[in-house]
Amino acid sequence: MSAFLNAATKDATGALSTTDGTSAPDHFQGGVPYESDGTVAIDSSSAVDHYQNQLPLTAAGRIAVSTNAVDHYGNGLTAFDSGGKIATTTDAIANWVHGVAYAAGGAIVIASAVVGGDALLMESGDYLLLETGDYILLE
């Protein structure tokens, strides 16, 4: 499982780029659901329907995730909550394991989407990616 996480699209900080929703993903690559923009298709509100390649998928085929505490680690050091969903957070990155960003609590760090582009909430420790490709660390 860490192989898909390592290969998946990431933002400038190294957080996994995701799109949260309940509709069917645009396509699958290597058994992983993706949207047309290359982000990993996740669902934070639906139940686990089945497993494919040890990934918990919803009935629509999206990866089932939660912001619950990490209960255990599965194959490839993927963090799971007690319900079998992948444990995720938008907290600051504390460390990397095999190219995957983890927070201090052990959950996998995902990038939060900015909808509409009108406002962006940032805090100390966040990175801001500039159009030039450079980035700024907020302190």
Protein backbone atom coordinates (compact mmCIF):
# COMPACT_ATOMS: atom_id res chain seq x y z
CA MET A 1 0.00 0.00 0.00
CA SER A 2 2.84 2.43 0.67
CA ALA A 3 3.83 2.06 -3.00
CA PHE A 4 0.58 3.73 -4.13
CA LEU A 5 0.93 6.42 -1.47
CA ASN A 6 4.50 7.10 -2.51
CA ALA A 7 3.58 7.33 -6.22
CA ALA A 8 0.40 9.39 -5.73
CA THR A 9 0.28 13.11 -6.46
CA LYS A 10 1.51 15.34 -3.63
CA ASP A 11 1.38 19.07 -2.98
CA ALA A 12 4.45 21.26 -2.44
CA THR A 13 4.76 20.20 1.20
CA GLY A 14 4.66 16.49 0.39
CA ALA A 15 1.08 15.96 1.59
CA LEU A 16 -1.04 13.55 -0.44
CA SER A 17 -3.22 15.49 -2.94
CA THR A 18 -6.81 14.32 -2.61
CA THR A 19 -10.35 15.18 -3.64
CA ASP A 20 -13.05 14.30 -1.11
CA GLY A 21 -16.43 13.29 -2.51
CA THR A 22 -18.97 10.51 -2.87
CA SER A 23 -19.27 10.13 -6.65
CA ALA A 24 -17.42 7.53 -8.69
CA PRO A 25 -13.79 8.43 -9.43
CA ASP A 26 -12.71 9.41 -12.93
CA HIS A 27 -10.38 6.44 -13.41
CA PHE A 28 -8.30 3.77 -11.69
CA GLN A 29 -4.58 3.32 -12.08
CA GLY A 30 -2.90 0.36 -10.42
CA GLY A 31 -6.09 -0.23 -8.47
CA VAL A 32 -6.07 3.31 -7.02
CA PRO A 33 -9.01 5.67 -7.73
CA TYR A 34 -8.09 9.06 -9.20
CA GLU A 35 -9.93 12.18 -10.30
CA SER A 36 -9.29 13.73 -13.73
CA ASP A 37 -6.89 16.27 -12.15
CA GLY A 38 -4.65 13.49 -10.82
CA THR A 39 -5.70 13.73 -7.18
CA VAL A 40 -6.52 10.58 -5.24
CA ALA A 41 -10.31 10.07 -4.91
CA ILE A 42 -11.21 9.79 -1.21
CA ASP A 43 -14.49 9.72 0.72
CA SER A 44 -14.60 10.85 4.34
CA SER A 45 -18.34 10.26 4.82
CA SER A 46 -19.22 6.83 3.39
CA ALA A 47 -18.70 3.39 4.90
CA VAL A 48 -16.18 0.81 3.74
CA ASP A 49 -17.92 -1.41 1.17
CA HIS A 50 -15.05 -3.66 0.06
CA TYR A 51 -11.27 -3.93 -0.11
CA GLN A 52 -9.09 -3.93 -3.21
CA ASN A 53 -5.32 -4.27 -2.93
CA GLN A 54 -5.84 -3.85 0.82
CA LEU A 55 -7.40 -0.42 0.27
CA PRO A 56 -10.75 0.24 1.98
CA LEU A 57 -13.11 1.37 -0.79
CA THR A 58 -16.62 2.78 -0.67
CA ALA A 59 -19.44 1.46 -2.85
CA ALA A 60 -18.61 4.23 -5.37
CA GLY A 61 -14.97 3.08 -5.50
CA ARG A 62 -13.34 5.91 -3.54
CA ILE A 63 -10.81 5.28 -0.75
CA ALA A 64 -12.58 5.40 2.62
CA VAL A 65 -10.77 7.78 4.98
CA SER A 66 -11.40 9.34 8.37
CA THR A 67 -9.88 11.86 10.72
CA ASN A 68 -10.21 9.43 13.63
CA ALA A 69 -7.19 8.43 15.70
CA VAL A 70 -4.82 5.80 14.37
CA ASP A 71 -5.73 2.36 15.71
CA HIS A 72 -3.21 0.21 13.85
CA TYR A 73 -0.87 0.08 10.87
CA GLY A 74 -1.50 -2.22 7.95
CA ASN A 75 0.63 -3.51 5.14
CA GLY A 76 3.14 -0.92 3.98
CA LEU A 77 2.77 1.19 7.14
CA THR A 78 -0.62 2.59 6.15
CA ALA A 79 -2.44 4.09 9.15
CA PHE A 80 -5.95 2.76 9.85
CA ASP A 81 -8.60 3.82 12.34
CA SER A 82 -10.58 1.28 14.39
CA GLY A 83 -13.24 1.05 11.65
CA GLY A 84 -10.79 0.04 8.93
CA LYS A 85 -10.67 3.41 7.17
CA ILE A 86 -7.34 5.05 6.37
CA ALA A 87 -6.55 7.57 9.11
CA THR A 88 -5.78 11.00 7.63
CA THR A 89 -5.14 14.52 8.84
CA THR A 90 -4.26 17.97 7.54
CA ASP A 91 -1.95 18.55 10.52
CA ALA A 92 1.68 19.51 9.98
CA ILE A 93 4.04 16.91 8.60
CA ALA A 94 6.19 15.42 11.37
CA ASN A 95 8.10 12.80 9.35
CA TRP A 96 8.22 10.73 6.20
CA VAL A 97 8.25 6.96 5.85
CA HIS A 98 8.97 5.57 2.37
CA GLY A 99 8.07 8.96 0.86
CA VAL A 100 4.72 9.21 2.66
CA ALA A 101 4.05 12.18 4.97
CA TYR A 102 2.85 11.41 8.51
CA ALA A 103 1.70 13.75 11.30
CA ALA A 104 2.86 13.51 14.91
CA GLY A 105 -0.20 11.38 15.78
CA GLY A 106 0.69 8.83 13.10
CA ALA A 107 -2.03 9.66 10.55
CA ILE A 108 -1.22 10.19 6.87
CA VAL A 109 -1.09 13.87 5.95
CA ILE A 110 -3.37 14.89 3.09
CA ALA A 111 -3.66 18.30 1.43
CA SER A 112 -6.94 20.06 2.03
CA ALA A 113 -8.68 21.37 -1.05
CA VAL A 114 -9.35 25.06 -1.57
CA VAL A 115 -12.83 25.43 -3.04
CA GLY A 116 -13.54 28.55 -5.05
CA GLY A 117 -10.11 30.05 -4.53
CA ASP A 118 -11.48 33.04 -2.62
CA ALA A 119 -9.90 32.36 0.77
CA LEU A 120 -7.06 30.32 2.13
CA LEU A 121 -6.65 29.59 5.83
CA MET A 122 -3.02 29.02 6.75
CA GLU A 123 -1.17 28.64 10.01
CA SER A 124 2.36 28.43 11.29
CA GLY A 125 4.20 25.52 9.70
CA ASP A 126 2.20 25.64 6.45
CA TYR A 127 3.88 26.04 3.07
CA LEU A 128 2.61 28.45 0.42
CA LEU A 129 3.46 27.44 -3.15
CA LEU A 130 4.06 30.38 -5.48
CA GLU A 131 3.38 30.44 -9.21
CA THR A 132 7.14 30.53 -9.78
CA GLY A 133 7.47 27.10 -8.17
CA ASP A 134 9.12 28.52 -5.04
CA TYR A 135 7.48 28.10 -1.66
CA ILE A 136 7.28 30.01 1.61
CA LEU A 137 7.21 28.41 5.06
CA LEU A 138 4.91 30.33 7.40
CA GLU A 139 6.30 30.77 10.87
